[in-house]
Protein backbone atom coordinates (compact mmCIF):
# COMPACT_ATOMS: atom_id res chain seq x y z
CA MET A 1 -6.18 -5.84 -5.77
CA LYS A 2 -7.58 -2.80 -3.93
CA ARG A 3 -5.67 0.40 -3.80
CA GLY A 4 -3.44 0.53 -0.71
CA MET A 5 -5.51 3.24 1.01
CA GLU A 6 -8.70 1.22 0.56
CA GLY A 7 -7.11 -1.99 2.01
CA TRP A 8 -5.57 -0.07 4.83
CA SER A 9 -8.89 1.49 5.83
CA GLU A 10 -10.74 -1.86 5.77
CA ASP A 11 -7.94 -3.48 7.87
CA ILE A 12 -7.88 -0.68 10.52
CA ALA A 13 -11.72 -0.57 10.83
CA GLY A 14 -11.99 -4.32 11.07
CA GLY A 15 -9.12 -4.60 13.56
CA LEU A 16 -10.71 -1.94 15.77
CA TYR A 17 -14.08 -3.38 15.59
CA GLN A 18 -12.73 -6.78 16.75
CA LYS A 19 -11.31 -4.96 19.82
CA GLY A 20 -14.70 -3.69 20.64
CA ILE A 21 -14.06 -0.09 19.47
CA ASP A 22 -17.16 1.91 18.25
CA VAL A 23 -15.71 2.59 14.76
CA THR A 24 -17.30 3.83 11.51
CA LEU A 25 -15.70 3.11 8.19
CA PHE A 26 -16.78 5.59 5.51
CA LYS A 27 -16.32 4.22 1.99
CA GLY A 28 -17.02 5.71 -1.45
CA SER A 29 -18.69 2.70 -3.17
CA GLY A 30 -19.61 -0.96 -2.83
CA PRO A 31 -21.98 -2.89 -0.58
CA VAL A 32 -22.17 -2.61 3.14
CA ASN A 33 -20.43 -5.75 4.27
CA TYR A 34 -20.27 -4.97 8.07
CA ALA A 35 -22.38 -3.06 10.52
CA TYR A 36 -19.71 -0.47 10.95
CA GLU A 37 -19.52 0.53 7.25
CA HIS A 38 -21.27 3.60 5.74
CA VAL A 39 -21.26 4.18 2.00
CA LEU A 40 -20.92 7.83 0.84
CA SER A 41 -21.41 7.36 -2.90
CA THR A 42 -19.15 9.50 -5.03
CA PHE A 43 -18.03 9.97 -8.66
CA ARG A 44 -15.52 7.18 -9.09
CA ARG A 45 -12.34 8.33 -10.78
CA ASN A 46 -12.99 6.19 -13.87
CA CYS A 47 -16.50 7.27 -14.42
CA LEU A 48 -17.42 9.68 -17.28
CA TYR A 49 -18.70 12.45 -14.87
CA ALA A 50 -15.46 12.52 -12.85
CA LYS A 51 -13.40 12.80 -16.11
CA ILE A 52 -15.63 15.63 -17.47
CA ILE A 53 -15.56 17.57 -14.24
CA GLY A 54 -11.80 17.02 -13.90
CA LYS A 55 -11.23 18.31 -17.37
CA LEU A 56 -13.50 21.38 -16.85
CA THR A 57 -11.62 22.25 -13.70
CA SER A 58 -8.23 21.35 -14.86
CA LYS A 59 -6.94 24.92 -14.93
CA GLY A 60 -6.90 26.15 -11.32
CA GLY A 61 -9.29 23.67 -9.92
CA TRP A 62 -6.60 22.27 -7.59
CA ARG A 63 -7.22 25.32 -5.39
CA ILE A 64 -10.50 23.89 -4.23
CA GLY A 65 -9.55 20.23 -4.51
CA LEU A 66 -10.63 19.53 -8.17
CA GLY A 67 -8.70 19.48 -11.42
CA THR A 68 -8.38 15.75 -12.08
CA ALA A 69 -10.70 12.79 -12.08
CA PRO A 70 -9.13 11.36 -8.81
CA ALA A 71 -9.42 14.77 -7.22
CA VAL A 72 -13.11 14.92 -8.21
CA GLU A 73 -13.73 11.46 -6.57
CA SER A 74 -12.04 12.71 -3.36
CA PHE A 75 -13.78 16.14 -3.41
CA PHE A 76 -17.35 14.76 -3.56
CA PHE A 77 -16.60 12.09 -0.97
CA GLY A 78 -15.11 14.79 1.34
CA ILE A 79 -18.23 16.97 0.99
CA GLN A 80 -20.42 14.12 2.14
CA LEU A 81 -18.02 13.13 4.89
CA PHE A 82 -18.06 16.72 6.17
CA TRP A 83 -21.83 16.69 6.62
CA HIS A 84 -21.59 13.39 8.52
CA LEU A 85 -18.89 14.85 10.79
CA ARG A 86 -21.02 17.89 11.40
CA ARG A 87 -24.10 15.82 12.43
CA GLY A 88 -22.30 13.13 14.37
CA ARG A 89 -20.09 13.28 17.41
CA TYR A 90 -16.84 11.53 16.71
CA ASP A 91 -13.73 11.37 18.84
CA LEU A 92 -11.22 11.55 15.96
CA LEU A 93 -10.75 10.92 12.28
CA HIS A 94 -7.97 8.59 11.05
CA ILE A 95 -7.30 9.06 7.33
CA LYS A 96 -4.66 8.08 4.82
CA GLN A 97 -5.44 10.11 1.68
CA ALA A 98 -3.57 13.36 2.10
CA SER A 99 -5.65 15.43 -0.29
CA LEU A 100 -8.88 14.51 1.60
CA ALA A 101 -7.22 15.10 4.93
CA LEU A 102 -6.06 18.55 3.78
CA PHE A 103 -9.57 19.36 2.50
CA LEU A 104 -11.08 18.50 5.94
CA LEU A 105 -8.28 20.42 7.73
CA LYS A 106 -9.19 23.56 5.89
CA LEU A 107 -12.83 23.04 6.96
CA LYS A 108 -11.65 22.67 10.49
CA HIS A 109 -9.63 25.86 10.30
CA LEU A 110 -12.83 27.62 9.29
CA GLY A 111 -14.46 26.26 12.51
CA LEU A 112 -16.82 24.07 10.57
CA ILE A 113 -15.67 20.78 12.24
CA GLN A 114 -13.91 20.18 15.47
CA VAL A 115 -12.68 16.52 15.29
CA PRO A 116 -8.96 15.88 15.67
CA ILE A 117 -7.47 14.61 12.37
CA ILE A 118 -4.79 11.96 12.14
CA LEU A 119 -2.94 11.67 8.94
CA SER A 120 -1.44 8.26 8.27
CA ASN A 121 1.30 9.30 5.87
CA GLY A 122 0.92 6.79 3.17
CA GLN A 123 2.13 9.14 0.48
CA ILE A 124 5.53 10.53 -0.26
CA THR A 125 5.53 14.13 0.91
CA ASP A 126 7.63 16.67 2.82
CA ASP A 127 7.71 17.69 6.44
CA ILE A 128 6.37 21.15 5.72
CA PHE A 129 3.17 19.62 4.38
CA LEU A 130 2.95 17.15 7.33
CA SER A 131 3.38 19.98 9.80
CA LYS A 132 -0.08 21.30 8.72
CA PHE A 133 -1.81 18.43 10.45
CA ASP A 134 -3.01 17.94 14.01
CA TYR A 135 -1.26 14.55 14.20
CA VAL A 136 0.74 12.36 11.91
CA GLN A 137 1.33 8.70 11.82
CA HIS A 138 4.61 7.77 10.22
CA LEU A 139 4.82 4.23 8.87
CA THR A 140 8.57 3.67 9.40
CA PRO A 141 11.20 5.38 11.49
CA CYS A 142 12.22 7.32 8.41
CA LEU A 143 10.65 10.42 6.99
CA GLU A 144 9.05 9.57 3.70
CA ARG A 145 11.64 11.32 1.55
CA ILE A 146 14.19 10.42 -0.98
CA ASP A 147 17.07 11.17 1.38
CA CYS A 148 15.19 9.40 4.27
CA VAL A 149 15.90 11.47 7.30
CA ARG A 150 15.90 9.05 10.21
CA ILE A 151 13.54 9.91 13.03
CA ASN A 152 15.04 9.88 16.49
CA LEU A 153 12.42 7.80 18.27
CA GLU A 154 13.38 9.31 21.70
CA SER A 155 12.61 12.87 20.39
CA VAL A 156 9.58 12.37 18.19
CA PRO A 157 7.22 15.44 18.54
CA LYS A 158 4.11 14.76 20.65
CA ASN A 159 1.85 15.06 17.64
CA ARG A 160 3.81 12.43 15.62
CA PHE A 161 3.64 8.63 16.02
CA VAL A 162 5.67 5.87 14.36
CA ILE A 163 3.38 2.94 13.77
CA PRO A 164 3.74 0.65 10.70
CA ASN A 165 1.09 -0.92 8.41
CA PHE A 166 -0.06 -4.39 9.32
CA ILE A 167 -1.45 -7.43 7.68
CA ASP A 168 -3.44 -10.47 8.82
CA THR A 169 -0.73 -13.09 9.05
CA LYS A 170 -3.45 -15.83 9.16
CA LEU A 171 -4.59 -14.79 5.72
CA PHE A 172 -1.16 -14.09 4.35
CA SER A 173 0.40 -17.46 5.16
CA PRO A 174 2.32 -20.05 3.02
CA HIS A 175 0.39 -22.27 0.66
CA ASN A 176 1.65 -25.29 -1.29
CA LYS A 177 3.59 -24.07 -4.25
CA LYS A 178 2.54 -26.87 -6.67
CA GLN A 179 -1.12 -26.48 -5.71
CA SER A 180 -1.00 -22.69 -5.97
CA ARG A 181 0.37 -22.87 -9.47
CA GLN A 182 -2.17 -25.44 -10.49
CA GLN A 183 -5.05 -23.31 -9.09
CA LEU A 184 -3.78 -20.20 -11.05
CA GLY A 185 -2.93 -22.01 -14.25
CA LEU A 186 0.78 -21.26 -14.01
CA PRO A 187 3.65 -23.49 -15.20
CA GLN A 188 4.97 -26.04 -12.78
CA ASP A 189 8.45 -26.39 -14.36
CA ALA A 190 9.47 -22.72 -14.48
CA ARG A 191 10.98 -20.31 -11.90
CA ILE A 192 8.39 -17.58 -11.31
CA VAL A 193 9.30 -13.93 -10.55
CA LEU A 194 6.32 -11.84 -9.28
CA THR A 195 5.82 -8.18 -8.88
CA ALA A 196 2.61 -6.51 -7.57
CA GLY A 197 1.32 -2.97 -7.59
CA ALA A 198 -0.48 -0.53 -9.89
CA VAL A 199 0.50 -1.47 -13.43
CA LYS A 200 2.17 1.77 -14.42
CA LYS A 201 5.56 3.24 -15.18
CA TYR A 202 5.74 6.09 -12.71
CA HIS A 203 6.60 5.06 -9.15
CA LYS A 204 5.91 1.28 -9.58
CA ARG A 205 8.28 1.10 -12.57
CA ILE A 206 6.78 -1.90 -14.20
CA ASP A 207 8.67 -0.95 -17.48
CA TYR A 208 11.88 -1.40 -15.49
CA PHE A 209 10.67 -4.91 -14.34
CA ILE A 210 9.84 -5.83 -17.91
CA GLU A 211 13.18 -4.65 -19.32
CA GLU A 212 15.16 -6.45 -16.59
CA MET A 213 13.23 -9.73 -16.84
CA SER A 214 13.74 -9.60 -20.65
CA GLU A 215 17.46 -9.44 -20.02
CA LEU A 216 17.23 -12.31 -17.50
CA LYS A 217 15.25 -14.42 -19.85
CA ASN A 218 17.83 -14.00 -22.57
CA THR A 219 20.64 -15.15 -20.29
CA ALA A 220 18.91 -17.78 -18.01
CA ASP A 221 19.54 -21.45 -18.65
CA ILE A 222 16.27 -22.36 -16.97
CA PRO A 223 12.59 -21.94 -17.80
CA MET A 224 11.30 -18.60 -16.50
CA HIS A 225 7.87 -17.09 -16.07
CA PHE A 226 7.10 -13.54 -14.99
CA ILE A 227 3.95 -12.17 -13.34
CA VAL A 228 2.68 -8.57 -13.08
CA ALA A 229 -0.29 -8.31 -10.71
CA GLY A 230 -2.11 -5.12 -9.78
CA ALA A 231 -4.67 -2.48 -10.42
CA ARG A 232 -5.30 -1.05 -13.93
CA ASP A 233 -3.86 2.32 -14.82
CA PRO A 234 -3.98 4.38 -18.07
CA GLN A 235 -0.49 3.06 -18.83
CA SER A 236 -1.45 -0.60 -18.37
CA CYS A 237 -2.22 -1.34 -22.01
CA GLU A 238 1.10 0.14 -23.10
CA LEU A 239 2.91 -1.88 -20.57
CA MET A 240 1.11 -5.09 -21.61
CA GLU A 241 2.13 -4.47 -25.26
CA MET A 242 5.76 -3.89 -24.05
CA GLY A 243 5.64 -7.09 -21.98
CA TYR A 244 4.27 -9.39 -24.62
CA LYS A 245 6.67 -7.97 -27.18
CA LYS A 246 9.73 -8.59 -25.00
CA LEU A 247 8.66 -11.72 -23.17
CA GLY A 248 6.04 -13.26 -25.27
CA GLY A 249 4.06 -16.00 -23.38
CA SER A 250 6.62 -15.95 -20.62
CA ILE A 251 4.73 -13.12 -18.88
CA SER A 252 1.28 -12.94 -17.36
CA PHE A 253 -0.68 -9.78 -16.39
CA LEU A 254 -3.22 -10.36 -13.65
CA PHE A 255 -5.56 -7.44 -12.88
CA ASP A 256 -7.64 -6.85 -9.77
CA VAL A 257 -6.79 -10.09 -8.10
CA PRO A 258 -9.06 -10.51 -5.05
CA ARG A 259 -7.15 -9.82 -1.81
CA ALA A 260 -8.04 -13.22 -0.50
CA GLN A 261 -6.45 -14.79 -3.47
CA MET A 262 -3.08 -12.98 -3.15
CA PRO A 263 -1.55 -15.44 -0.67
CA VAL A 264 -2.00 -18.13 -3.27
CA LEU A 265 -0.27 -15.95 -5.88
CA TYR A 266 2.60 -15.06 -3.55
CA SER A 267 3.04 -18.80 -2.78
CA ALA A 268 3.15 -19.64 -6.49
CA ALA A 269 6.26 -17.44 -6.90
CA ASP A 270 9.92 -18.22 -6.33
CA VAL A 271 10.82 -14.64 -5.70
CA PHE A 272 8.91 -11.39 -5.26
CA VAL A 273 10.27 -8.11 -6.53
CA LEU A 274 9.26 -4.50 -5.66
CA CYS A 275 10.66 -2.12 -8.29
CA SER A 276 9.77 1.16 -6.61
CA LEU A 277 12.74 3.34 -5.55
CA LEU A 278 10.66 4.76 -2.73
CA GLU A 279 7.45 3.94 -0.96
CA ALA A 280 5.86 5.31 2.16
CA PHE A 281 5.83 1.71 3.39
CA GLY A 282 5.56 -1.06 0.85
CA THR A 283 2.87 -3.51 2.30
CA VAL A 284 3.50 -5.92 -0.61
CA LEU A 285 6.88 -6.66 0.97
CA ILE A 286 5.47 -7.93 4.27
CA GLU A 287 2.62 -9.77 2.43
CA ALA A 288 5.21 -11.75 0.42
CA MET A 289 7.46 -12.31 3.42
CA SER A 290 4.46 -13.58 5.44
CA CYS A 291 3.88 -16.13 2.66
CA ASN A 292 7.45 -17.37 2.98
CA VAL A 293 8.50 -15.81 -0.39
CA PRO A 294 11.91 -14.26 -0.75
CA VAL A 295 11.89 -10.50 -1.55
CA LEU A 296 14.02 -8.23 -3.60
CA CYS A 297 13.74 -4.45 -3.12
CA HIS A 298 15.61 -1.20 -3.68
CA ASP A 299 18.40 -0.37 -1.21
CA HIS A 300 16.46 2.43 0.56
CA ALA A 301 16.46 2.99 4.33
CA SER A 302 12.64 2.53 4.61
CA PHE A 303 12.77 -0.87 2.84
CA GLN A 304 15.83 -1.75 4.86
CA TRP A 305 13.97 -1.17 8.10
CA ILE A 306 11.00 -3.26 6.85
CA VAL A 307 12.87 -6.19 5.37
CA GLN A 308 16.17 -5.96 7.44
CA ASP A 309 18.35 -9.03 6.68
CA CYS A 310 15.35 -11.10 5.70
CA GLY A 311 15.51 -10.10 2.01
CA VAL A 312 17.92 -8.66 -0.64
CA HIS A 313 18.48 -4.90 -1.14
CA ILE A 314 19.96 -3.73 -4.39
CA ASP A 315 20.29 -0.41 -6.26
CA MET A 316 17.38 -0.68 -8.65
CA ALA A 317 18.28 2.73 -10.17
CA LYS A 318 20.97 0.84 -12.10
CA LYS A 319 20.30 -0.92 -15.39
CA GLY A 320 20.95 -4.61 -15.08
CA ALA A 321 20.99 -4.68 -11.28
CA LEU A 322 17.63 -6.49 -10.96
CA SER A 323 18.21 -9.08 -13.60
CA GLN A 324 21.57 -9.94 -12.16
CA ALA A 325 20.16 -10.16 -8.58
CA VAL A 326 17.27 -12.45 -9.56
CA HIS A 327 19.70 -14.60 -11.56
CA ASP A 328 22.07 -14.90 -8.49
CA PHE A 329 19.26 -15.50 -6.06
CA LEU A 330 17.65 -18.31 -8.14
CA SER A 331 21.04 -19.87 -8.82
CA HIS A 332 22.10 -20.00 -5.16
CA ASN A 333 18.94 -20.12 -3.00
CA THR A 334 16.16 -22.49 -2.39
CA PRO A 335 12.77 -21.36 -1.10
CA GLY A 336 11.83 -22.12 2.52
CA THR A 337 15.29 -21.70 4.01
CA GLY A 338 17.22 -19.07 5.93
CA LYS A 339 16.04 -15.53 5.12
CA VAL A 340 12.69 -16.74 3.85
CA ARG A 341 11.66 -18.32 7.28
CA ALA A 342 13.13 -15.36 9.07
CA GLY A 343 11.01 -13.00 6.91
CA ARG A 344 7.83 -14.75 8.01
CA GLN A 345 8.85 -14.41 11.68
CA ARG A 346 9.66 -10.75 11.36
CA VAL A 347 6.22 -10.05 9.99
CA VAL A 348 4.61 -11.91 12.79
CA ASP A 349 6.63 -10.20 15.40
CA THR A 350 6.40 -6.68 14.02
CA PHE A 351 3.65 -6.30 11.46
CA SER A 352 0.83 -8.55 12.61
CA GLN A 353 -2.61 -7.20 13.20
CA GLY A 354 -2.83 -7.68 16.90
CA ILE A 355 0.47 -5.95 17.59
CA VAL A 356 -0.14 -3.01 15.45
CA ILE A 357 -3.75 -2.41 16.36
CA SER A 358 -2.58 -2.18 19.98
CA GLN A 359 -0.19 0.49 19.03
CA ILE A 360 -2.85 2.34 17.16
CA MET A 361 -5.21 2.15 20.14
CA GLY A 362 -2.38 3.52 22.28
CA MET A 363 -2.05 6.40 19.82
CA TYR A 364 -5.83 7.13 20.06
CA GLU A 365 -5.71 7.04 23.87
CA THR A 366 -2.91 9.56 23.86
CA ILE A 367 -4.74 11.95 21.52
CA LEU A 368 -8.07 11.52 23.33
CA GLY A 369 -6.38 12.43 26.55
CA LYS A 370 -5.93 15.88 25.10
CA HIS A 371 -9.49 16.20 23.72
CA ALA A 372 -12.75 15.76 25.73
CA GLY A 373 -16.46 15.83 25.01
CA TYR A 374 -16.86 13.18 22.29
CA GLU A 375 -18.58 9.89 22.38
CA LYS A 376 -17.26 7.49 19.80
CA VAL A 377 -14.21 6.71 17.81
CA SER A 378 -14.20 6.81 14.04
């Protein structure tokens, strides 16, 4: 699985390109797969050089955008992007990584670049930070905060827009459950609970998932299997040890599943669980819903807006809440009925590519109406 920001960037660029927009996707590594892509090679966060530079700048390096390996990756990518923005003529820059956007904003304040910057707020931050930017795209009608201040859509500031993430509903569509399990080598006779995201404790709370599923397995009277799918993290090995210790062969860890394979994985599951207490959006929820998989998530206003009554909201801050909810759901619900079908339809109506790309283009038109003298959109 790609990081959310990478998947978002590819989806936006591809969707705009299909609409005939002159778009450039700047990426930090990998092959050039499409004519609109441009690779700006950087030190990847997992490489030795990034780790060394991050360690050498760990004290105070944050002031110039360094200090950690991920920051080093972003810093050197940003330097190259800056030179391309200086040489080219772009209408605007749409970016999701807040640290990179802030770096470029500082260069803009120095008069080194002129392009308007739109921050798609895919990270949990406060309104003071967001107020620094020219334009902000909120992903739900809730500010991305623990207390979730609801945005009054009729009085949104002119430099703020509420446009959600989207997915390709043709790609993320239901597959045959039996065939999906056979393809992935998963048990046919067990009820499968899936979670997806970076395999780490902080934020994604995979440790909570393992603890709760261990409790469920000990009390369930039916065969159970549990899947953790996502990107590797420094905590992944520790969580794997924890998972195998508590769940033995009843748990599978799947790393870096290709995105095109994710609909098969979703379709193999009986229920999908997101253990985060807060996300700026939670794209995995709409991916699962689009594949006709029931979803369980935390009872937070942002998730409530996304899922509405098409899933189950519980207080995942409480010990035992998830294990009980999954038990109740698997005992009283059958896949393919009620909320499940409604979830697929909500995604098609609200989070499909065509609908959201049209909203994004409307945002661009509004912004470009305030800025003249550029030739192409990036």
